């Protein structure tokens, strides 16, 4: 898979994370709160899916920034990242359902493998 394809898939995964979090936020907090200016913290919610979706989105954003930087660096310099970008995006696609179902330690192992892919990309830039 090319670096550009992985970048596009990474952006699509960002949308998947945002819409997943939004769907569970709507269920947990209600439309009145979500359409308000949110000046006050919401009341405690029941269930685990909204907090998990929020943490998964945060984790994705934290990991997407270095991936995008490395991927764009590879594209701009004409280097190939080998399997690094493909490993990263495949692991991140697998990560969300594992996170949402609370699969432990599987999700941590998948996250670790995604970091290996990122290191492979950075190594090619050096």
PDB file of N, CA and C in Angstrom:
ATOM      1  N   UNK A   1       0.859  -1.170   0.000  1.00  0.00           N
ATOM      2  CA  UNK A   1       0.000   0.000   0.000  1.00  0.00           C
ATOM      3  C   UNK A   1       0.906   1.234   0.000  1.00  0.00           C
ATOM      4  N   UNK A   2       0.587   2.211  -0.817  1.00  0.00           N
ATOM      5  CA  UNK A   2       1.421   3.406  -0.899  1.00  0.00           C
ATOM      6  C   UNK A   2       1.234   4.299   0.328  1.00  0.00           C
ATOM      7  N   UNK A   3       2.210   5.189   0.531  1.00  0.00           N
ATOM      8  CA  UNK A   3       2.125   6.130   1.648  1.00  0.00           C
ATOM      9  C   UNK A   3       0.899   7.031   1.512  1.00  0.00           C
ATOM     10  N   UNK A   4       0.590   7.441   0.267  1.00  0.00           N
ATOM     11  CA  UNK A   4      -0.573   8.302   0.049  1.00  0.00           C
ATOM     12  C   UNK A   4      -1.866   7.564   0.368  1.00  0.00           C
ATOM     13  N   UNK A   5      -1.963   6.316  -0.031  1.00  0.00           N
ATOM     14  CA  UNK A   5      -3.151   5.517   0.290  1.00  0.00           C
ATOM     15  C   UNK A   5      -3.312   5.386   1.803  1.00  0.00           C
ATOM     16  N   UNK A   6      -2.194   5.135   2.500  1.00  0.00           N
ATOM     17  CA  UNK A   6      -2.248   5.013   3.963  1.00  0.00           C
ATOM     18  C   UNK A   6      -2.665   6.324   4.613  1.00  0.00           C
ATOM     19  N   UNK A   7      -2.203   7.444   4.051  1.00  0.00           N
ATOM     20  CA  UNK A   7      -2.593   8.748   4.587  1.00  0.00           C
ATOM     21  C   UNK A   7      -4.091   8.983   4.410  1.00  0.00           C
ATOM     22  N   UNK A   8      -4.620   8.650   3.252  1.00  0.00           N
ATOM     23  CA  UNK A   8      -6.060   8.797   3.004  1.00  0.00           C
ATOM     24  C   UNK A   8      -6.853   7.890   3.948  1.00  0.00           C
ATOM     25  N   UNK A   9      -6.408   6.654   4.095  1.00  0.00           N
ATOM     26  CA  UNK A   9      -7.081   5.747   5.034  1.00  0.00           C
ATOM     27  C   UNK A   9      -6.990   6.277   6.465  1.00  0.00           C
ATOM     28  N   UNK A  10      -5.858   6.883   6.814  1.00  0.00           N
ATOM     29  CA  UNK A  10      -5.702   7.482   8.138  1.00  0.00           C
ATOM     30  C   UNK A  10      -6.701   8.602   8.372  1.00  0.00           C
ATOM     31  N   UNK A  11      -6.924   9.418   7.342  1.00  0.00           N
ATOM     32  CA  UNK A  11      -7.925  10.483   7.458  1.00  0.00           C
ATOM     33  C   UNK A  11      -9.330   9.900   7.575  1.00  0.00           C
ATOM     34  N   UNK A  12      -9.610   8.856   6.817  1.00  0.00           N
ATOM     35  CA  UNK A  12     -10.916   8.209   6.929  1.00  0.00           C
ATOM     36  C   UNK A  12     -11.111   7.610   8.322  1.00  0.00           C
ATOM     37  N   UNK A  13     -10.045   7.044   8.879  1.00  0.00           N
ATOM     38  CA  UNK A  13     -10.136   6.503  10.244  1.00  0.00           C
ATOM     39  C   UNK A  13     -10.389   7.611  11.262  1.00  0.00           C
ATOM     40  N   UNK A  14      -9.869   8.799  11.001  1.00  0.00           N
ATOM     41  CA  UNK A  14     -10.152   9.929  11.893  1.00  0.00           C
ATOM     42  C   UNK A  14     -11.655  10.204  11.899  1.00  0.00           C
ATOM     43  N   UNK A  15     -12.271  10.199  10.716  1.00  0.00           N
ATOM     44  CA  UNK A  15     -13.713  10.392  10.645  1.00  0.00           C
ATOM     45  C   UNK A  15     -14.460   9.281  11.375  1.00  0.00           C
ATOM     46  N   UNK A  16     -14.011   8.054  11.221  1.00  0.00           N
ATOM     47  CA  UNK A  16     -14.646   6.927  11.912  1.00  0.00           C
ATOM     48  C   UNK A  16     -14.585   7.143  13.421  1.00  0.00           C
ATOM     49  N   UNK A  17     -13.426   7.561  13.924  1.00  0.00           N
ATOM     50  CA  UNK A  17     -13.280   7.821  15.359  1.00  0.00           C
ATOM     51  C   UNK A  17     -14.195   8.958  15.815  1.00  0.00           C
ATOM     52  N   UNK A  18     -14.223  10.037  15.049  1.00  0.00           N
ATOM     53  CA  UNK A  18     -15.055  11.194  15.423  1.00  0.00           C
ATOM     54  C   UNK A  18     -16.531  10.815  15.445  1.00  0.00           C
ATOM     55  N   UNK A  19     -16.990  10.106  14.420  1.00  0.00           N
ATOM     56  CA  UNK A  19     -18.408   9.744  14.368  1.00  0.00           C
ATOM     57  C   UNK A  19     -18.759   8.688  15.409  1.00  0.00           C
ATOM     58  N   UNK A  20     -17.825   7.796  15.707  1.00  0.00           N
ATOM     59  CA  UNK A  20     -18.068   6.815  16.771  1.00  0.00           C
ATOM     60  C   UNK A  20     -18.224   7.528  18.105  1.00  0.00           C
ATOM     61  N   UNK A  21     -17.312   8.436  18.392  1.00  0.00           N
ATOM     62  CA  UNK A  21     -17.391   9.181  19.649  1.00  0.00           C
ATOM     63  C   UNK A  21     -18.656  10.026  19.704  1.00  0.00           C
ATOM     64  N   UNK A  22     -19.012  10.652  18.600  1.00  0.00           N
ATOM     65  CA  UNK A  22     -20.209  11.495  18.568  1.00  0.00           C
ATOM     66  C   UNK A  22     -21.478  10.670  18.791  1.00  0.00           C
ATOM     67  N   UNK A  23     -21.537   9.492  18.210  1.00  0.00           N
ATOM     68  CA  UNK A  23     -22.720   8.641  18.382  1.00  0.00           C
ATOM     69  C   UNK A  23     -22.890   8.239  19.836  1.00  0.00           C
ATOM     70  N   UNK A  24     -21.803   7.837  20.487  1.00  0.00           N
ATOM     71  CA  UNK A  24     -21.908   7.440  21.893  1.00  0.00           C
ATOM     72  C   UNK A  24     -22.095   8.648  22.810  1.00  0.00           C
ATOM     73  N   UNK A  25     -21.569   9.812  22.418  1.00  0.00           N
ATOM     74  CA  UNK A  25     -21.810  11.034  23.191  1.00  0.00           C
ATOM     75  C   UNK A  25     -23.281  11.412  23.127  1.00  0.00           C
ATOM     76  N   UNK A  26     -23.873  11.286  21.959  1.00  0.00           N
ATOM     77  CA  UNK A  26     -25.301  11.590  21.810  1.00  0.00           C
ATOM     78  C   UNK A  26     -26.148  10.696  22.699  1.00  0.00           C
ATOM     79  N   UNK A  27     -25.800   9.414  22.732  1.00  0.00           N
ATOM     80  CA  UNK A  27     -26.546   8.465  23.557  1.00  0.00           C
ATOM     81  C   UNK A  27     -26.354   8.759  25.048  1.00  0.00           C
ATOM     82  N   UNK A  28     -25.119   9.089  25.440  1.00  0.00           N
ATOM     83  CA  UNK A  28     -24.822   9.264  26.863  1.00  0.00           C
ATOM     84  C   UNK A  28     -25.216  10.644  27.395  1.00  0.00           C
ATOM     85  N   UNK A  29     -25.062  11.686  26.583  1.00  0.00           N
ATOM     86  CA  UNK A  29     -25.243  13.049  27.081  1.00  0.00           C
ATOM     87  C   UNK A  29     -26.509  13.722  26.584  1.00  0.00           C
ATOM     88  N   UNK A  30     -27.033  13.271  25.464  1.00  0.00           N
ATOM     89  CA  UNK A  30     -28.247  13.863  24.915  1.00  0.00           C
ATOM     90  C   UNK A  30     -27.962  15.062  24.038  1.00  0.00           C
ATOM     91  N   UNK A  31     -28.901  15.314  23.156  1.00  0.00           N
ATOM     92  CA  UNK A  31     -28.755  16.390  22.188  1.00  0.00           C
ATOM     93  C   UNK A  31     -28.768  17.769  22.847  1.00  0.00           C
ATOM     94  N   UNK A  32     -29.536  17.941  23.926  1.00  0.00           N
ATOM     95  CA  UNK A  32     -29.582  19.249  24.590  1.00  0.00           C
ATOM     96  C   UNK A  32     -28.206  19.663  25.082  1.00  0.00           C
ATOM     97  N   UNK A  33     -27.496  18.735  25.719  1.00  0.00           N
ATOM     98  CA  UNK A  33     -26.162  19.067  26.206  1.00  0.00           C
ATOM     99  C   UNK A  33     -25.193  19.283  25.041  1.00  0.00           C
ATOM    100  N   UNK A  34     -25.247  18.409  24.049  1.00  0.00           N
ATOM    101  CA  UNK A  34     -24.292  18.495  22.946  1.00  0.00           C
ATOM    102  C   UNK A  34     -24.483  19.748  22.099  1.00  0.00           C
ATOM    103  N   UNK A  35     -25.696  20.267  22.041  1.00  0.00           N
ATOM    104  CA  UNK A  35     -25.925  21.482  21.266  1.00  0.00           C
ATOM    105  C   UNK A  35     -25.798  22.745  22.115  1.00  0.00           C
ATOM    106  N   UNK A  36     -25.466  22.590  23.377  1.00  0.00           N
ATOM    107  CA  UNK A  36     -25.266  23.742  24.261  1.00  0.00           C
ATOM    108  C   UNK A  36     -23.820  24.232  24.120  1.00  0.00           C
ATOM    109  N   UNK A  37     -23.486  25.380  24.739  1.00  0.00           N
ATOM    110  CA  UNK A  37     -22.103  25.859  24.677  1.00  0.00           C
ATOM    111  C   UNK A  37     -21.148  25.032  25.557  1.00  0.00           C
ATOM    112  N   UNK A  38     -21.694  24.099  26.332  1.00  0.00           N
ATOM    113  CA  UNK A  38     -20.912  23.186  27.178  1.00  0.00           C
ATOM    114  C   UNK A  38     -20.018  23.927  28.165  1.00  0.00           C
ATOM    115  N   UNK A  39     -20.556  24.992  28.732  1.00  0.00           N
ATOM    116  CA  UNK A  39     -19.809  25.755  29.729  1.00  0.00           C
ATOM    117  C   UNK A  39     -19.633  24.974  31.020  1.00  0.00           C
ATOM    118  N   UNK A  40     -20.533  24.054  31.273  1.00  0.00           N
ATOM    119  CA  UNK A  40     -20.475  23.255  32.493  1.00  0.00           C
ATOM    120  C   UNK A  40     -20.218  21.806  32.131  1.00  0.00           C
ATOM    121  N   UNK A  41     -19.545  21.110  33.034  1.00  0.00           N
ATOM    122  CA  UNK A  41     -19.268  19.693  32.814  1.00  0.00           C
ATOM    123  C   UNK A  41     -20.582  18.906  32.842  1.00  0.00           C
ATOM    124  N   UNK A  42     -20.667  17.865  32.049  1.00  0.00           N
ATOM    125  CA  UNK A  42     -21.905  17.062  32.055  1.00  0.00           C
ATOM    126  C   UNK A  42     -22.013  16.266  33.344  1.00  0.00           C
ATOM    127  N   UNK A  43     -23.229  15.869  33.634  1.00  0.00           N
ATOM    128  CA  UNK A  43     -23.435  14.998  34.784  1.00  0.00           C
ATOM    129  C   UNK A  43     -22.785  13.653  34.484  1.00  0.00           C
ATOM    130  N   UNK A  44     -22.553  12.883  35.516  1.00  0.00           N
ATOM    131  CA  UNK A  44     -21.969  11.553  35.327  1.00  0.00           C
ATOM    132  C   UNK A  44     -22.823  10.735  34.372  1.00  0.00           C
ATOM    133  N   UNK A  45     -22.170  10.021  33.507  1.00  0.00           N
ATOM    134  CA  UNK A  45     -22.895   9.170  32.572  1.00  0.00           C
ATOM    135  C   UNK A  45     -22.749   7.716  32.998  1.00  0.00           C
ATOM    136  N   UNK A  46     -23.702   6.942  32.594  1.00  0.00           N
ATOM    137  CA  UNK A  46     -23.618   5.509  32.862  1.00  0.00           C
ATOM    138  C   UNK A  46     -23.090   4.819  31.618  1.00  0.00           C
ATOM    139  N   UNK A  47     -22.502   3.682  31.801  1.00  0.00           N
ATOM    140  CA  UNK A  47     -21.972   2.936  30.668  1.00  0.00           C
ATOM    141  C   UNK A  47     -20.517   3.250  30.416  1.00  0.00           C
ATOM    142  N   UNK A  48     -19.916   2.433  29.591  1.00  0.00           N
ATOM    143  CA  UNK A  48     -18.489   2.576  29.327  1.00  0.00           C
ATOM    144  C   UNK A  48     -18.181   2.988  27.893  1.00  0.00           C
ATOM    145  N   UNK A  49     -19.142   2.919  26.993  1.00  0.00           N
ATOM    146  CA  UNK A  49     -18.827   3.142  25.585  1.00  0.00           C
ATOM    147  C   UNK A  49     -18.496   4.590  25.252  1.00  0.00           C
ATOM    148  N   UNK A  50     -19.209   5.551  25.818  1.00  0.00           N
ATOM    149  CA  UNK A  50     -18.880   6.953  25.560  1.00  0.00           C
ATOM    150  C   UNK A  50     -17.484   7.293  26.072  1.00  0.00           C
ATOM    151  N   UNK A  51     -17.136   6.966  27.321  1.00  0.00           N
ATOM    152  CA  UNK A  51     -15.766   7.272  27.758  1.00  0.00           C
ATOM    153  C   UNK A  51     -14.705   6.531  26.939  1.00  0.00           C
ATOM    154  N   UNK A  52     -14.974   5.290  26.563  1.00  0.00           N
ATOM    155  CA  UNK A  52     -14.012   4.544  25.744  1.00  0.00           C
ATOM    156  C   UNK A  52     -13.836   5.197  24.375  1.00  0.00           C
ATOM    157  N   UNK A  53     -14.947   5.584  23.756  1.00  0.00           N
ATOM    158  CA  UNK A  53     -14.867   6.226  22.447  1.00  0.00           C
ATOM    159  C   UNK A  53     -14.105   7.544  22.527  1.00  0.00           C
ATOM    160  N   UNK A  54     -14.293   8.264  23.617  1.00  0.00           N
ATOM    161  CA  UNK A  54     -13.578   9.529  23.816  1.00  0.00           C
ATOM    162  C   UNK A  54     -12.086   9.277  23.974  1.00  0.00           C
ATOM    163  N   UNK A  55     -11.727   8.279  24.785  1.00  0.00           N
ATOM    164  CA  UNK A  55     -10.300   7.960  24.963  1.00  0.00           C
ATOM    165  C   UNK A  55      -9.685   7.422  23.680  1.00  0.00           C
ATOM    166  N   UNK A  56     -10.436   6.614  22.933  1.00  0.00           N
ATOM    167  CA  UNK A  56      -9.925   6.075  21.671  1.00  0.00           C
ATOM    168  C   UNK A  56      -9.672   7.203  20.666  1.00  0.00           C
ATOM    169  N   UNK A  57     -10.580   8.175  20.601  1.00  0.00           N
ATOM    170  CA  UNK A  57     -10.389   9.325  19.719  1.00  0.00           C
ATOM    171  C   UNK A  57      -9.149  10.107  20.133  1.00  0.00           C
ATOM    172  N   UNK A  58      -9.011  10.361  21.417  1.00  0.00           N
ATOM    173  CA  UNK A  58      -7.838  11.095  21.916  1.00  0.00           C
ATOM    174  C   UNK A  58      -6.549  10.351  21.552  1.00  0.00           C
ATOM    175  N   UNK A  59      -6.553   9.031  21.751  1.00  0.00           N
ATOM    176  CA  UNK A  59      -5.386   8.230  21.420  1.00  0.00           C
ATOM    177  C   UNK A  59      -5.082   8.301  19.930  1.00  0.00           C
ATOM    178  N   UNK A  60      -6.111   8.257  19.104  1.00  0.00           N
ATOM    179  CA  UNK A  60      -5.895   8.312  17.665  1.00  0.00           C
ATOM    180  C   UNK A  60      -5.291   9.650  17.255  1.00  0.00           C
ATOM    181  N   UNK A  61      -5.822  10.723  17.794  1.00  0.00           N
ATOM    182  CA  UNK A  61      -5.300  12.052  17.466  1.00  0.00           C
ATOM    183  C   UNK A  61      -3.829  12.150  17.875  1.00  0.00           C
ATOM    184  N   UNK A  62      -3.492  11.649  19.058  1.00  0.00           N
ATOM    185  CA  UNK A  62      -2.108  11.683  19.528  1.00  0.00           C
ATOM    186  C   UNK A  62      -1.180  10.884  18.619  1.00  0.00           C
ATOM    187  N   UNK A  63      -1.670   9.797  18.051  1.00  0.00           N
ATOM    188  CA  UNK A  63      -0.838   8.940  17.214  1.00  0.00           C
ATOM    189  C   UNK A  63      -0.891   9.311  15.739  1.00  0.00           C
ATOM    190  N   UNK A  64      -1.964   9.970  15.306  1.00  0.00           N
ATOM    191  CA  UNK A  64      -2.075  10.339  13.907  1.00  0.00           C
ATOM    192  C   UNK A  64      -1.110  11.462  13.537  1.00  0.00           C
ATOM    193  N   UNK A  65      -0.879  12.394  14.441  1.00  0.00           N
ATOM    194  CA  UNK A  65       0.010  13.529  14.143  1.00  0.00           C
ATOM    195  C   UNK A  65       1.417  13.063  13.755  1.00  0.00           C
ATOM    196  N   UNK A  66       2.091  12.215  14.553  1.00  0.00           N
ATOM    197  CA  UNK A  66       3.416  11.776  14.114  1.00  0.00           C
ATOM    198  C   UNK A  66       3.376  10.896  12.863  1.00  0.00           C
ATOM    199  N   UNK A  67       2.308  10.101  12.718  1.00  0.00           N
ATOM    200  CA  UNK A  67       2.181   9.298  11.502  1.00  0.00           C
ATOM    201  C   UNK A  67       2.089  10.209  10.282  1.00  0.00           C
ATOM    202  N   UNK A  68       1.210  11.218  10.346  1.00  0.00           N
ATOM    203  CA  UNK A  68       1.027  12.118   9.208  1.00  0.00           C
ATOM    204  C   UNK A  68       2.328  12.848   8.886  1.00  0.00           C
ATOM    205  N   UNK A  69       3.057  13.277   9.922  1.00  0.00           N
ATOM    206  CA  UNK A  69       4.330  13.973   9.694  1.00  0.00           C
ATOM    207  C   UNK A  69       5.329  13.053   8.989  1.00  0.00           C
ATOM    208  N   UNK A  70       5.463  11.840   9.481  1.00  0.00           N
ATOM    209  CA  UNK A  70       6.399  10.894   8.867  1.00  0.00           C
ATOM    210  C   UNK A  70       5.943  10.530   7.452  1.00  0.00           C
ATOM    211  N   UNK A  71       4.659  10.302   7.279  1.00  0.00           N
ATOM    212  CA  UNK A  71       4.131   9.914   5.979  1.00  0.00           C
ATOM    213  C   UNK A  71       4.320  11.035   4.962  1.00  0.00           C
ATOM    214  N   UNK A  72       3.999  12.253   5.349  1.00  0.00           N
ATOM    215  CA  UNK A  72       4.192  13.381   4.437  1.00  0.00           C
ATOM    216  C   UNK A  72       5.674  13.598   4.137  1.00  0.00           C
ATOM    217  N   UNK A  73       6.526  13.357   5.136  1.00  0.00           N
ATOM    218  CA  UNK A  73       7.965  13.449   4.904  1.00  0.00           C
ATOM    219  C   UNK A  73       8.432  12.440   3.871  1.00  0.00           C
ATOM    220  N   UNK A  74       7.929  11.222   3.966  1.00  0.00           N
ATOM    221  CA  UNK A  74       8.275  10.189   2.987  1.00  0.00           C
ATOM    222  C   UNK A  74       7.777  10.566   1.594  1.00  0.00           C
ATOM    223  N   UNK A  75       6.558  11.070   1.526  1.00  0.00           N
ATOM    224  CA  UNK A  75       5.994  11.466   0.231  1.00  0.00           C
ATOM    225  C   UNK A  75       6.798  12.623  -0.362  1.00  0.00           C
ATOM    226  N   UNK A  76       7.107  13.633   0.453  1.00  0.00           N
ATOM    227  CA  UNK A  76       7.817  14.822  -0.037  1.00  0.00           C
ATOM    228  C   UNK A  76       9.233  14.506  -0.503  1.00  0.00           C
ATOM    229  N   UNK A  77       9.895  13.572   0.162  1.00  0.00           N
ATOM    230  CA  UNK A  77      11.270  13.249  -0.198  1.00  0.00           C
ATOM    231  C   UNK A  77      11.361  12.147  -1.237  1.00  0.00           C
ATOM    232  N   UNK A  78      10.225  11.556  -1.570  1.00  0.00           N
ATOM    233  CA  UNK A  78      10.230  10.487  -2.553  1.00  0.00           C
ATOM    234  C   UNK A  78      10.722   9.163  -2.008  1.00  0.00           C
ATOM    235  N   UNK A  79      10.890   9.072  -0.701  1.00  0.00           N
ATOM    236  CA  UNK A  79      11.296   7.812  -0.084  1.00  0.00           C
ATOM    237  C   UNK A  79      10.066   6.910   0.080  1.00  0.00           C
ATOM    238  N   UNK A  80      10.332   5.657   0.226  1.00  0.00           N
ATOM    239  CA  UNK A  80       9.261   4.727   0.547  1.00  0.00           C
ATOM    240  C   UNK A  80       9.440   4.300   1.998  1.00  0.00           C
ATOM    241  N   UNK A  81       8.338   4.098   2.679  1.00  0.00           N
ATOM    242  CA  UNK A  81       8.399   3.698   4.084  1.00  0.00           C
ATOM    243  C   UNK A  81       8.405   2.199   4.269  1.00  0.00           C
ATOM    244  N   UNK A  82       8.602   1.472   3.165  1.00  0.00           N
ATOM    245  CA  UNK A  82       8.536   0.024   3.269  1.00  0.00           C
ATOM    246  C   UNK A  82       7.129  -0.373   3.712  1.00  0.00           C
ATOM    247  N   UNK A  83       7.067  -1.268   4.665  1.00  0.00           N
ATOM    248  CA  UNK A  83       5.782  -1.726   5.192  1.00  0.00           C
ATOM    249  C   UNK A  83       5.294  -0.861   6.358  1.00  0.00           C
ATOM    250  N   UNK A  84       6.069   0.121   6.774  1.00  0.00           N
ATOM    251  CA  UNK A  84       5.748   0.899   7.968  1.00  0.00           C
ATOM    252  C   UNK A  84       4.378   1.540   7.967  1.00  0.00           C
ATOM    253  N   UNK A  85       4.053   2.268   6.895  1.00  0.00           N
ATOM    254  CA  UNK A  85       2.756   2.958   6.835  1.00  0.00           C
ATOM    255  C   UNK A  85       1.603   1.953   6.784  1.00  0.00           C
ATOM    256  N   UNK A  86       1.809   0.869   6.046  1.00  0.00           N
ATOM    257  CA  UNK A  86       0.765  -0.158   5.958  1.00  0.00           C
ATOM    258  C   UNK A  86       0.536  -0.814   7.317  1.00  0.00           C
ATOM    259  N   UNK A  87       1.618  -1.133   7.998  1.00  0.00           N
ATOM    260  CA  UNK A  87       1.498  -1.725   9.338  1.00  0.00           C
ATOM    261  C   UNK A  87       0.750  -0.768  10.253  1.00  0.00           C
ATOM    262  N   UNK A  88       1.121   0.516  10.220  1.00  0.00           N
ATOM    263  CA  UNK A  88       0.494   1.492  11.104  1.00  0.00           C
ATOM    264  C   UNK A  88      -1.015   1.560  10.862  1.00  0.00           C
ATOM    265  N   UNK A  89      -1.433   1.718   9.601  1.00  0.00           N
ATOM    266  CA  UNK A  89      -2.860   1.902   9.348  1.00  0.00           C
ATOM    267  C   UNK A  89      -3.646   0.627   9.613  1.00  0.00           C
ATOM    268  N   UNK A  90      -3.109  -0.529   9.270  1.00  0.00           N
ATOM    269  CA  UNK A  90      -3.825  -1.776   9.539  1.00  0.00           C
ATOM    270  C   UNK A  90      -4.016  -1.964  11.046  1.00  0.00           C
ATOM    271  N   UNK A  91      -2.980  -1.701  11.816  1.00  0.00           N
ATOM    272  CA  UNK A  91      -3.083  -1.847  13.276  1.00  0.00           C
ATOM    273  C   UNK A  91      -4.068  -0.840  13.861  1.00  0.00           C
ATOM    274  N   UNK A  92      -4.097   0.371  13.316  1.00  0.00           N
ATOM    275  CA  UNK A  92      -5.024   1.376  13.838  1.00  0.00           C
ATOM    276  C   UNK A  92      -6.469   1.030  13.470  1.00  0.00           C
ATOM    277  N   UNK A  93      -6.688   0.388  12.333  1.00  0.00           N
ATOM    278  CA  UNK A  93      -8.034  -0.057  11.974  1.00  0.00           C
ATOM    279  C   UNK A  93      -8.487  -1.151  12.947  1.00  0.00           C
ATOM    280  N   UNK A  94      -7.587  -2.044  13.291  1.00  0.00           N
ATOM    281  CA  UNK A  94      -7.897  -3.125  14.235  1.00  0.00           C
ATOM    282  C   UNK A  94      -8.093  -2.575  15.648  1.00  0.00           C
ATOM    283  N   UNK A  95      -7.368  -1.514  15.992  1.00  0.00           N
ATOM    284  CA  UNK A  95      -7.339  -0.970  17.347  1.00  0.00           C
ATOM    285  C   UNK A  95      -8.703  -0.491  17.854  1.00  0.00           C
ATOM    286  N   UNK A  96      -9.455   0.218  17.010  1.00  0.00           N
ATOM    287  CA  UNK A  96     -10.713   0.814  17.485  1.00  0.00           C
ATOM    288  C   UNK A  96     -11.708  -0.224  17.998  1.00  0.00           C
ATOM    289  N   UNK A  97     -12.007  -1.288  17.255  1.00  0.00           N
ATOM    290  CA  UNK A  97     -12.950  -2.274  17.813  1.00  0.00           C
ATOM    291  C   UNK A  97     -12.407  -2.955  19.066  1.00  0.00           C
ATOM    292  N   UNK A  98     -11.095  -3.171  19.118  1.00  0.00           N
ATOM    293  CA  UNK A  98     -10.518  -3.769  20.326  1.00  0.00           C
ATOM    294  C   UNK A  98     -10.677  -2.837  21.520  1.00  0.00           C
ATOM    295  N   UNK A  99     -10.462  -1.547  21.300  1.00  0.00           N
ATOM    296  CA  UNK A  99     -10.615  -0.570  22.384  1.00  0.00           C
ATOM    297  C   UNK A  99     -12.069  -0.505  22.842  1.00  0.00           C
ATOM    298  N   UNK A 100     -12.980  -0.472  21.878  1.00  0.00           N
ATOM    299  CA  UNK A 100     -14.395  -0.331  22.225  1.00  0.00           C
ATOM    300  C   UNK A 100     -14.930  -1.554  22.959  1.00  0.00           C
ATOM    301  N   UNK A 101     -14.378  -2.731  22.700  1.00  0.00           N
ATOM    302  CA  UNK A 101     -14.841  -3.938  23.386  1.00  0.00           C
ATOM    303  C   UNK A 101     -14.065  -4.213  24.660  1.00  0.00           C
ATOM    304  N   UNK A 102     -13.066  -3.388  24.950  1.00  0.00           N
ATOM    305  CA  UNK A 102     -12.287  -3.562  26.173  1.00  0.00           C
ATOM    306  C   UNK A 102     -11.330  -4.738  26.116  1.00  0.00           C
ATOM    307  N   UNK A 103     -10.952  -5.147  24.911  1.00  0.00           N
ATOM    308  CA  UNK A 103     -10.049  -6.295  24.749  1.00  0.00           C
ATOM    309  C   UNK A 103      -8.657  -5.936  25.247  1.00  0.00           C
ATOM    310  N   UNK A 104      -8.299  -6.549  26.349  1.00  0.00           N
ATOM    311  CA  UNK A 104      -6.999  -6.286  26.945  1.00  0.00           C
ATOM    312  C   UNK A 104      -6.317  -7.616  27.180  1.00  0.00           C
ATOM    313  N   UNK A 105      -5.079  -7.804  26.891  1.00  0.00           N
ATOM    314  CA  UNK A 105      -4.058  -6.853  26.463  1.00  0.00           C
ATOM    315  C   UNK A 105      -3.963  -6.706  24.951  1.00  0.00           C
ATOM    316  N   UNK A 106      -4.911  -7.260  24.199  1.00  0.00           N
ATOM    317  CA  UNK A 106      -4.848  -7.225  22.744  1.00  0.00           C
ATOM    318  C   UNK A 106      -4.699  -5.842  22.167  1.00  0.00           C
ATOM    319  N   UNK A 107      -5.473  -4.891  22.670  1.00  0.00           N
ATOM    320  CA  UNK A 107      -5.394  -3.541  22.109  1.00  0.00           C
ATOM    321  C   UNK A 107      -4.040  -2.912  22.369  1.00  0.00           C
ATOM    322  N   UNK A 108      -3.439  -3.192  23.510  1.00  0.00           N
ATOM    323  CA  UNK A 108      -2.105  -2.646  23.796  1.00  0.00           C
ATOM    324  C   UNK A 108      -1.053  -3.254  22.881  1.00  0.00           C
ATOM    325  N   UNK A 109      -1.200  -4.538  22.573  1.00  0.00           N
ATOM    326  CA  UNK A 109      -0.257  -5.173  21.653  1.00  0.00           C
ATOM    327  C   UNK A 109      -0.418  -4.601  20.245  1.00  0.00           C
ATOM    328  N   UNK A 110      -1.646  -4.390  19.817  1.00  0.00           N
ATOM    329  CA  UNK A 110      -1.888  -3.803  18.500  1.00  0.00           C
ATOM    330  C   UNK A 110      -1.313  -2.395  18.441  1.00  0.00           C
ATOM    331  N   UNK A 111      -1.509  -1.619  19.499  1.00  0.00           N
ATOM    332  CA  UNK A 111      -0.941  -0.269  19.568  1.00  0.00           C
ATOM    333  C   UNK A 111       0.583  -0.333  19.456  1.00  0.00           C
ATOM    334  N   UNK A 112       1.199  -1.276  20.161  1.00  0.00           N
ATOM    335  CA  UNK A 112       2.647  -1.435  20.109  1.00  0.00           C
ATOM    336  C   UNK A 112       3.144  -1.772  18.708  1.00  0.00           C
ATOM    337  N   UNK A 113       2.432  -2.640  18.008  1.00  0.00           N
ATOM    338  CA  UNK A 113       2.818  -2.985  16.637  1.00  0.00           C
ATOM    339  C   UNK A 113       2.668  -1.763  15.728  1.00  0.00           C
ATOM    340  N   UNK A 114       1.647  -0.938  15.971  1.00  0.00           N
ATOM    341  CA  UNK A 114       1.495   0.281  15.162  1.00  0.00           C
ATOM    342  C   UNK A 114       2.683   1.210  15.370  1.00  0.00           C
ATOM    343  N   UNK A 115       3.207   1.251  16.583  1.00  0.00           N
ATOM    344  CA  UNK A 115       4.396   2.069  16.842  1.00  0.00           C
ATOM    345  C   UNK A 115       5.613   1.525  16.105  1.00  0.00           C
ATOM    346  N   UNK A 116       5.703   0.215  15.981  1.00  0.00           N
ATOM    347  CA  UNK A 116       6.794  -0.383  15.203  1.00  0.00           C
ATOM    348  C   UNK A 116       6.717   0.114  13.761  1.00  0.00           C
ATOM    349  N   UNK A 117       5.508   0.140  13.201  1.00  0.00           N
ATOM    350  CA  UNK A 117       5.327   0.666  11.849  1.00  0.00           C
ATOM    351  C   UNK A 117       5.768   2.112  11.742  1.00  0.00           C
ATOM    352  N   UNK A 118       5.442   2.912  12.754  1.00  0.00           N
ATOM    353  CA  UNK A 118       5.843   4.318  12.763  1.00  0.00           C
ATOM    354  C   UNK A 118       7.361   4.448  12.829  1.00  0.00           C
ATOM    355  N   UNK A 119       8.004   3.646  13.659  1.00  0.00           N
ATOM    356  CA  UNK A 119       9.472   3.672  13.754  1.00  0.00           C
ATOM    357  C   UNK A 119      10.090   3.272  12.415  1.00  0.00           C
ATOM    358  N   UNK A 120       9.502   2.291  11.743  1.00  0.00           N
ATOM    359  CA  UNK A 120      10.004   1.890  10.424  1.00  0.00           C
ATOM    360  C   UNK A 120       9.949   3.058   9.442  1.00  0.00           C
ATOM    361  N   UNK A 121       8.887   3.856   9.519  1.00  0.00           N
ATOM    362  CA  UNK A 121       8.755   5.005   8.642  1.00  0.00           C
ATOM    363  C   UNK A 121       9.819   6.051   8.946  1.00  0.00           C
ATOM    364  N   UNK A 122       9.979   6.366  10.221  1.00  0.00           N
ATOM    365  CA  UNK A 122      10.957   7.385  10.625  1.00  0.00           C
ATOM    366  C   UNK A 122      12.375   6.931  10.257  1.00  0.00           C
ATOM    367  N   UNK A 123      12.635   5.640  10.415  1.00  0.00           N
ATOM    368  CA  UNK A 123      13.947   5.087  10.082  1.00  0.00           C
ATOM    369  C   UNK A 123      14.276   5.349   8.608  1.00  0.00           C
ATOM    370  N   UNK A 124      13.269   5.232   7.750  1.00  0.00           N
ATOM    371  CA  UNK A 124      13.483   5.456   6.318  1.00  0.00           C
ATOM    372  C   UNK A 124      13.750   6.924   6.007  1.00  0.00           C
ATOM    373  N   UNK A 125      13.277   7.805   6.876  1.00  0.00           N
ATOM    374  CA  UNK A 125      13.511   9.245   6.662  1.00  0.00           C
ATOM    375  C   UNK A 125      14.926   9.653   7.077  1.00  0.00           C
ATOM    376  N   UNK A 126      15.499   8.919   8.012  1.00  0.00           N
ATOM    377  CA  UNK A 126      16.812   9.300   8.560  1.00  0.00           C
ATOM    378  C   UNK A 126      17.931   9.096   7.566  1.00  0.00           C
TER     379      UNK A 126
END
